[in-house]
Amino acid sequence: MKTVPGFTLRALAGEYILVGESLAQVNFNKMIALNASAAYLWQEIDGKEFTPDDLKKLLLDKYEVDEETAAKDSVAIAKSWIEAGVVTE
């Protein structure tokens, strides 16, 4: 997987959002909001090839979470990013 070029993570009023900064990424029908954990993951993988296992390792390294929960959350966030169109497989 890889992040789609043209999206930038921004902090706005204590929240994190992905902003499409090229005309190809502009969609006024939705805004992609991320919680702090998802924003951390995005910062770590933006512009790089990654797998859900890479996301899991990042979660395990940063947070006090068990491996099963980290694995489940990693698959879920990767799936949601693909569905949102900000990551390609």
Protein backbone atom coordinates (compact mmCIF):
# COMPACT_ATOMS: atom_id res chain seq x y z
CA MET A 1 0.00 0.00 0.00
CA LYS A 2 1.00 3.59 -0.45
CA THR A 3 -0.50 6.98 0.33
CA VAL A 4 -2.01 8.84 -2.62
CA PRO A 5 0.04 11.94 -3.50
CA GLY A 6 -1.66 15.27 -2.95
CA PHE A 7 -3.00 14.75 0.57
CA THR A 8 -1.49 16.66 3.49
CA LEU A 9 -2.15 16.13 7.19
CA ARG A 10 -3.19 19.35 8.94
CA ALA A 11 -3.96 20.13 12.57
CA LEU A 12 -7.05 22.29 12.85
CA ALA A 13 -8.54 23.40 16.17
CA GLY A 14 -7.11 20.39 18.00
CA GLU A 15 -8.26 17.93 15.33
CA TYR A 16 -6.40 16.30 12.46
CA ILE A 17 -7.67 16.31 8.89
CA LEU A 18 -6.34 15.15 5.55
CA VAL A 19 -6.56 17.93 3.00
CA GLY A 20 -6.41 17.37 -0.75
CA GLU A 21 -3.96 19.95 -2.01
CA SER A 22 -4.14 19.25 -5.73
CA LEU A 23 -7.15 19.71 -7.97
CA ALA A 24 -7.31 15.94 -8.55
CA GLN A 25 -7.84 15.40 -4.80
CA VAL A 26 -10.53 18.03 -4.22
CA ASN A 27 -13.85 16.55 -3.14
CA PHE A 28 -16.14 18.99 -1.40
CA ASN A 29 -18.52 16.21 -0.32
CA LYS A 30 -16.26 14.86 2.42
CA MET A 31 -13.53 15.74 4.85
CA ILE A 32 -11.20 13.08 6.20
CA ALA A 33 -10.77 13.47 9.95
CA LEU A 34 -8.16 11.47 11.87
CA ASN A 35 -7.76 10.89 15.57
CA ALA A 36 -4.32 11.36 17.14
CA SER A 37 -3.33 7.70 16.64
CA ALA A 38 -4.32 7.70 12.97
CA ALA A 39 -2.53 11.03 12.46
CA TYR A 40 0.63 9.53 14.00
CA LEU A 41 0.39 6.53 11.65
CA TRP A 42 -0.16 8.80 8.64
CA GLN A 43 2.89 10.89 9.50
CA GLU A 44 5.02 7.75 9.74
CA ILE A 45 3.92 6.16 6.45
CA ASP A 46 3.14 9.15 4.21
CA GLY A 47 4.95 8.69 0.89
CA LYS A 48 6.21 5.20 1.77
CA GLU A 49 5.18 1.68 0.87
CA PHE A 50 3.59 0.01 3.91
CA THR A 51 1.49 -2.94 5.03
CA PRO A 52 -0.97 -3.40 7.89
CA ASP A 53 1.89 -5.19 9.70
CA ASP A 54 3.94 -1.99 9.47
CA LEU A 55 1.04 -0.07 11.01
CA LYS A 56 0.75 -2.70 13.75
CA LYS A 57 4.45 -2.36 14.61
CA LEU A 58 4.13 1.43 14.80
CA LEU A 59 1.17 1.09 17.18
CA LEU A 60 3.02 -1.42 19.36
CA ASP A 61 6.10 0.81 19.49
CA LYS A 62 4.18 3.95 20.50
CA TYR A 63 1.20 2.77 22.56
CA GLU A 64 0.56 0.33 25.37
CA VAL A 65 -1.66 -1.99 23.38
CA ASP A 66 -1.69 -5.76 22.96
CA GLU A 67 -0.66 -7.31 19.65
CA GLU A 68 -4.14 -8.61 18.79
CA THR A 69 -5.74 -5.17 19.22
CA ALA A 70 -2.95 -3.47 17.27
CA ALA A 71 -3.35 -5.98 14.42
CA LYS A 72 -7.12 -5.53 14.28
CA ASP A 73 -6.85 -1.73 14.41
CA SER A 74 -4.14 -1.70 11.71
CA VAL A 75 -6.27 -3.68 9.28
CA ALA A 76 -9.27 -1.45 10.02
CA ILE A 77 -7.41 1.82 9.44
CA ALA A 78 -5.81 0.54 6.23
CA LYS A 79 -9.23 -0.53 4.96
CA SER A 80 -10.81 2.82 5.85
CA TRP A 81 -7.99 4.73 4.13
CA ILE A 82 -8.41 2.63 0.98
CA GLU A 83 -12.18 3.23 1.03
CA ALA A 84 -11.61 6.97 1.51
CA GLY A 85 -9.27 7.01 -1.49
CA VAL A 86 -6.20 8.29 0.35
CA VAL A 87 -4.27 5.00 0.08
CA THR A 88 -3.82 2.58 -2.82
CA GLU A 89 -3.21 -1.13 -2.54
